[in-house]
Amino acid sequence: MQLPTNILRALLPGRGDPRAGRRRRSRRVVLSCENLEGRVTPAHAGLAHHAVTHLHAAAQHAHHSTATSTSATTATSRATTGSGSSTSSSSDSSGSTSDSSGSTSSTSSSSNSTLSSALQTLHNDIQTIELASDTTVGELTAIRVAFQALSNDGLSPSSQSALRSFENSLVTAYASGTTLAGDATLLSQFEGLYTSSPTTQETTDLTNAYNALAAAVTSSNITSADLTTINADWAAVLAAEGSTSTATYPYFDLLTAQVGQGGGYGGGGC
């Protein structure tokens, strides 16, 4: 007896049943999904990378915002502090006020103006003296050469300040009418700055150095009136600076155009 086809399909679901085939195909789909599970991790990694990038950008933005905010706060604080401290006022019994900051600024400006004016006057008078000078580059070079010879001899002054003082004394001596060339007393003083018992060669070199100094000073044509003018200018500069020093101007610098340096040409100050 032949059974209907539909009954056979019902009894034997695994054979010839289209739906069974579909179920098998469905299971294959499930298997395909399982194969796709191995691709989930890369997808998550990509997402994680994107998230890290986003967070990094957000962190940079937050840092920039914080820095900007901090800068703005600092600027505001400075502005507030500046405006708060820039002006202070005090009231007297009549109700009038005075700006202490403005007063200080005015005093400082006046002081700077006084000092600038004093320095300019000094500069102008030094130029006038130098324009009248006949001291040559050759004479100044001779001083350098002579002092280099002393250095080669192993001689050095007892102190640089003592040498500068002697150089300045040559200027005052000349301005007062002393003939410097061949002055045995001044030469002896100069030698005494270096040694009390010079050798023959040292004596020769010390004499040459003194003569070089004397020649340059003599050619400067500096007068006692010039020194009086410079001393007055220098005192005005010191007063404008608020100094209580009574030091005179380093006269020898008038030969070398070193305003206020006081270096001493022979001593290597120039």
Protein backbone atom coordinates (compact mmCIF):
# COMPACT_ATOMS: atom_id res chain seq x y z
CA MET A 1 0.00 0.00 0.00
CA GLN A 2 1.46 3.26 -1.05
CA LEU A 3 1.32 6.06 1.51
CA PRO A 4 0.59 9.56 0.44
CA THR A 5 3.63 11.72 -0.16
CA ASN A 6 2.73 14.15 2.55
CA ILE A 7 2.55 11.33 5.10
CA LEU A 8 5.94 10.06 4.03
CA ARG A 9 7.36 13.51 4.48
CA ALA A 10 5.80 13.71 7.92
CA LEU A 11 7.16 10.33 8.95
CA LEU A 12 10.57 10.93 7.44
CA PRO A 13 11.32 14.60 8.07
CA GLY A 14 14.96 14.16 7.23
CA ARG A 15 14.40 13.03 3.67
CA GLY A 16 13.08 15.01 0.80
CA ASP A 17 11.37 17.56 2.99
CA PRO A 18 11.96 21.05 1.58
CA ARG A 19 11.35 22.56 4.96
CA ALA A 20 13.90 20.23 6.43
CA GLY A 21 16.32 21.49 3.84
CA ARG A 22 15.40 24.96 4.83
CA ARG A 23 16.03 24.08 8.45
CA ARG A 24 19.43 22.71 7.50
CA ARG A 25 20.10 25.86 5.59
CA SER A 26 18.96 27.80 8.63
CA ARG A 27 21.49 25.91 10.73
CA ARG A 28 24.11 26.77 8.16
CA VAL A 29 23.19 30.43 8.67
CA VAL A 30 23.74 29.93 12.36
CA LEU A 31 27.08 28.42 11.58
CA SER A 32 27.86 31.41 9.41
CA CYS A 33 27.03 33.71 12.31
CA GLU A 34 29.41 31.74 14.47
CA ASN A 35 32.09 32.33 11.83
CA LEU A 36 31.34 36.01 11.96
CA GLU A 37 31.92 36.07 15.71
CA GLY A 38 35.61 35.98 15.05
CA ARG A 39 35.28 39.32 13.27
CA VAL A 40 33.59 41.05 16.17
CA THR A 41 36.86 41.65 18.00
CA PRO A 42 38.47 43.67 15.20
CA ALA A 43 35.29 45.71 14.99
CA HIS A 44 35.47 46.40 18.72
CA ALA A 45 39.15 47.23 18.43
CA GLY A 46 38.35 49.78 15.76
CA LEU A 47 35.69 51.27 17.96
CA ALA A 48 38.09 51.36 20.89
CA HIS A 49 40.69 53.11 18.75
CA HIS A 50 38.11 55.62 17.65
CA ALA A 51 37.05 56.16 21.24
CA VAL A 52 40.66 56.69 22.38
CA THR A 53 41.19 59.17 19.57
CA HIS A 54 38.03 60.98 20.53
CA LEU A 55 38.98 61.06 24.19
CA HIS A 56 42.46 62.32 23.31
CA ALA A 57 40.95 65.09 21.26
CA ALA A 58 38.51 65.86 24.05
CA ALA A 59 41.33 65.91 26.58
CA GLN A 60 43.31 68.32 24.41
CA HIS A 61 40.29 70.51 24.06
CA ALA A 62 39.69 70.40 27.80
CA HIS A 63 43.35 71.23 28.46
CA HIS A 64 43.19 74.12 26.01
CA SER A 65 39.98 75.35 27.59
CA THR A 66 41.50 75.09 31.06
CA ALA A 67 44.67 76.90 29.96
CA THR A 68 42.62 79.60 28.30
CA SER A 69 40.46 79.93 31.36
CA THR A 70 43.52 80.05 33.62
CA SER A 71 45.18 82.66 31.41
CA ALA A 72 42.04 84.73 31.39
CA THR A 73 41.76 84.42 35.16
CA THR A 74 45.42 85.37 35.61
CA ALA A 75 45.08 88.33 33.28
CA THR A 76 41.97 89.43 35.09
CA SER A 77 43.69 89.03 38.43
CA ARG A 78 46.67 91.06 37.23
CA ALA A 79 44.46 93.71 35.83
CA THR A 80 42.53 93.84 39.09
CA THR A 81 45.71 93.90 41.15
CA GLY A 82 47.26 96.51 38.89
CA SER A 83 44.21 98.73 38.99
CA GLY A 84 43.94 98.25 42.70
CA SER A 85 47.55 99.09 43.42
CA SER A 86 48.17 101.64 40.72
CA THR A 87 46.50 104.43 42.56
CA SER A 88 46.14 105.08 46.24
CA SER A 89 44.61 108.16 47.67
CA SER A 90 44.43 109.67 51.09
CA SER A 91 41.93 112.14 52.41
CA ASP A 92 42.76 115.04 54.67
CA SER A 93 40.41 116.78 57.05
CA SER A 94 39.12 119.06 54.30
CA GLY A 95 38.13 116.10 52.16
CA SER A 96 40.78 116.64 49.49
CA THR A 97 42.61 113.63 48.05
CA SER A 98 46.10 113.09 46.65
CA ASP A 99 47.30 110.43 44.23
CA SER A 100 50.46 108.95 45.73
CA SER A 101 51.17 106.91 42.60
CA GLY A 102 50.97 109.97 40.42
CA SER A 103 53.23 111.85 42.79
CA THR A 104 55.84 109.07 42.71
CA SER A 105 55.69 108.89 38.94
CA SER A 106 56.10 112.64 38.67
CA THR A 107 59.09 112.61 41.04
CA SER A 108 60.72 109.74 39.14
CA SER A 109 60.19 111.47 35.82
CA SER A 110 61.68 114.68 37.18
CA SER A 111 64.69 112.77 38.56
CA ASN A 112 65.29 111.02 35.25
CA SER A 113 65.03 114.30 33.40
CA THR A 114 67.57 115.92 35.74
CA LEU A 115 70.02 113.05 35.34
CA SER A 116 69.63 113.01 31.55
CA SER A 117 70.26 116.73 31.42
CA ALA A 118 73.35 116.43 33.65
CA LEU A 119 74.79 113.61 31.55
CA GLN A 120 74.17 115.54 28.36
CA THR A 121 75.98 118.57 29.74
CA LEU A 122 78.93 116.39 30.76
CA HIS A 123 78.99 114.78 27.34
CA ASN A 124 78.95 118.12 25.56
CA ASP A 125 81.80 119.54 27.65
CA ILE A 126 83.90 116.41 27.14
CA GLN A 127 83.43 116.74 23.40
CA THR A 128 84.56 120.37 23.56
CA ILE A 129 87.75 119.35 25.40
CA GLU A 130 88.46 116.50 23.02
CA LEU A 131 87.95 118.70 19.97
CA ALA A 132 90.75 120.93 21.28
CA SER A 133 93.05 117.95 21.89
CA ASP A 134 96.03 117.14 19.70
CA THR A 135 96.56 113.68 21.19
CA THR A 136 97.00 111.23 18.33
CA VAL A 137 96.16 107.59 17.84
CA GLY A 138 99.87 106.99 17.54
CA GLU A 139 100.51 108.41 21.00
CA LEU A 140 97.76 106.27 22.51
CA THR A 141 99.15 103.23 20.72
CA ALA A 142 102.59 104.01 22.12
CA ILE A 143 101.11 103.76 25.60
CA ARG A 144 99.72 100.32 24.85
CA VAL A 145 103.03 99.11 23.44
CA ALA A 146 104.98 100.46 26.40
CA PHE A 147 102.69 98.83 28.96
CA GLN A 148 102.85 95.55 27.07
CA ALA A 149 106.61 95.70 27.44
CA LEU A 150 106.19 96.11 31.21
CA SER A 151 103.92 93.09 31.24
CA ASN A 152 106.53 91.11 29.30
CA ASP A 153 109.05 92.10 31.98
CA GLY A 154 106.74 90.56 34.55
CA LEU A 155 105.96 93.94 36.08
CA SER A 156 102.52 94.99 37.29
CA PRO A 157 101.37 97.99 39.36
CA SER A 158 100.71 97.65 43.06
CA SER A 159 97.05 98.18 42.21
CA GLN A 160 95.03 99.34 39.24
CA SER A 161 93.46 102.11 41.32
CA ALA A 162 96.95 103.42 42.19
CA LEU A 163 97.88 103.49 38.50
CA ARG A 164 94.66 105.29 37.57
CA SER A 165 95.29 107.82 40.32
CA PHE A 166 98.76 108.48 38.94
CA GLU A 167 97.47 108.90 35.40
CA ASN A 168 94.89 111.41 36.63
CA SER A 169 97.59 113.26 38.58
CA LEU A 170 99.55 113.70 35.35
CA VAL A 171 96.56 115.53 33.85
CA THR A 172 96.14 117.84 36.84
CA ALA A 173 99.90 118.47 36.94
CA TYR A 174 99.94 119.40 33.28
CA ALA A 175 96.82 121.61 33.62
CA SER A 176 98.52 123.47 36.47
CA GLY A 177 101.54 124.24 34.30
CA THR A 178 103.97 121.39 35.09
CA THR A 179 106.19 120.18 32.27
CA LEU A 180 105.79 116.43 32.33
CA ALA A 181 108.57 115.37 29.99
CA GLY A 182 111.76 114.66 31.92
CA ASP A 183 110.16 115.24 35.34
CA ALA A 184 112.31 113.05 37.60
CA THR A 185 109.89 113.22 40.53
CA LEU A 186 106.91 112.01 38.55
CA LEU A 187 109.01 109.33 36.86
CA SER A 188 110.18 108.09 40.25
CA GLN A 189 106.57 107.94 41.48
CA PHE A 190 105.60 105.95 38.42
CA GLU A 191 108.47 103.49 38.86
CA GLY A 192 107.51 103.08 42.52
CA LEU A 193 104.12 101.71 41.44
CA TYR A 194 105.92 98.70 39.94
CA THR A 195 109.16 98.00 41.75
CA SER A 196 111.63 99.52 44.18
CA SER A 197 114.65 97.92 42.55
CA PRO A 198 114.22 97.71 38.79
CA THR A 199 116.75 96.02 36.57
CA THR A 200 118.37 97.91 33.72
CA GLN A 201 115.83 96.61 31.24
CA GLU A 202 112.94 97.33 33.58
CA THR A 203 114.22 100.87 34.12
CA THR A 204 114.28 101.44 30.39
CA ASP A 205 110.77 100.06 29.90
CA LEU A 206 109.37 102.02 32.86
CA THR A 207 110.88 105.23 31.47
CA ASN A 208 109.39 104.54 28.05
CA ALA A 209 105.97 103.94 29.59
CA TYR A 210 106.12 107.16 31.60
CA ASN A 211 107.25 109.16 28.57
CA ALA A 212 104.38 107.71 26.52
CA LEU A 213 101.88 108.82 29.17
CA ALA A 214 103.47 112.26 29.46
CA ALA A 215 103.41 112.81 25.70
CA ALA A 216 99.73 111.93 25.36
CA VAL A 217 98.72 114.16 28.27
CA THR A 218 100.80 117.07 27.01
CA SER A 219 99.19 116.85 23.57
CA SER A 220 95.69 116.93 25.12
CA ASN A 221 95.91 120.69 25.74
CA ILE A 222 93.70 120.30 28.83
CA THR A 223 93.53 123.43 31.00
CA SER A 224 92.65 124.01 34.62
CA ALA A 225 89.41 125.67 33.43
CA ASP A 226 88.53 122.46 31.62
CA LEU A 227 88.99 120.47 34.81
CA THR A 228 86.86 122.93 36.77
CA THR A 229 84.07 122.55 34.21
CA ILE A 230 84.28 118.76 34.21
CA ASN A 231 84.28 118.61 38.01
CA ALA A 232 81.11 120.71 38.14
CA ASP A 233 79.45 118.51 35.50
CA TRP A 234 80.47 115.35 37.32
CA ALA A 235 79.16 116.63 40.65
CA ALA A 236 75.81 117.39 38.98
CA VAL A 237 75.63 113.84 37.62
CA LEU A 238 76.36 112.34 41.03
CA ALA A 239 73.75 114.57 42.67
CA ALA A 240 71.14 113.60 40.07
CA GLU A 241 71.89 109.95 40.79
CA GLY A 242 71.41 110.58 44.48
CA SER A 243 75.05 109.71 45.21
CA THR A 244 76.92 111.24 48.14
CA SER A 245 80.32 110.49 46.57
CA THR A 246 82.82 113.32 46.42
CA ALA A 247 85.00 111.61 43.81
CA THR A 248 86.30 113.75 40.99
CA TYR A 249 86.04 112.86 37.33
CA PRO A 250 88.74 110.45 36.04
CA TYR A 251 90.64 113.07 34.06
CA PHE A 252 92.80 110.68 32.08
CA ASP A 253 89.63 109.41 30.39
CA LEU A 254 89.41 112.79 28.66
CA LEU A 255 92.26 111.57 26.46
CA THR A 256 90.53 108.35 25.50
CA ALA A 257 86.87 109.38 25.15
CA GLN A 258 85.71 106.98 27.85
CA VAL A 259 83.06 109.00 29.63
CA GLY A 260 82.88 107.92 33.25
CA GLN A 261 84.81 104.67 32.74
CA GLY A 262 87.82 105.53 34.84
CA GLY A 263 89.62 102.52 33.39
CA GLY A 264 93.09 103.98 32.99
CA TYR A 265 94.51 103.63 29.49
CA GLY A 266 97.94 102.55 30.58
CA GLY A 267 96.47 100.08 33.04
CA GLY A 268 94.53 98.30 30.35
CA GLY A 269 91.21 99.87 31.22
CA CYS A 270 90.55 101.00 27.66
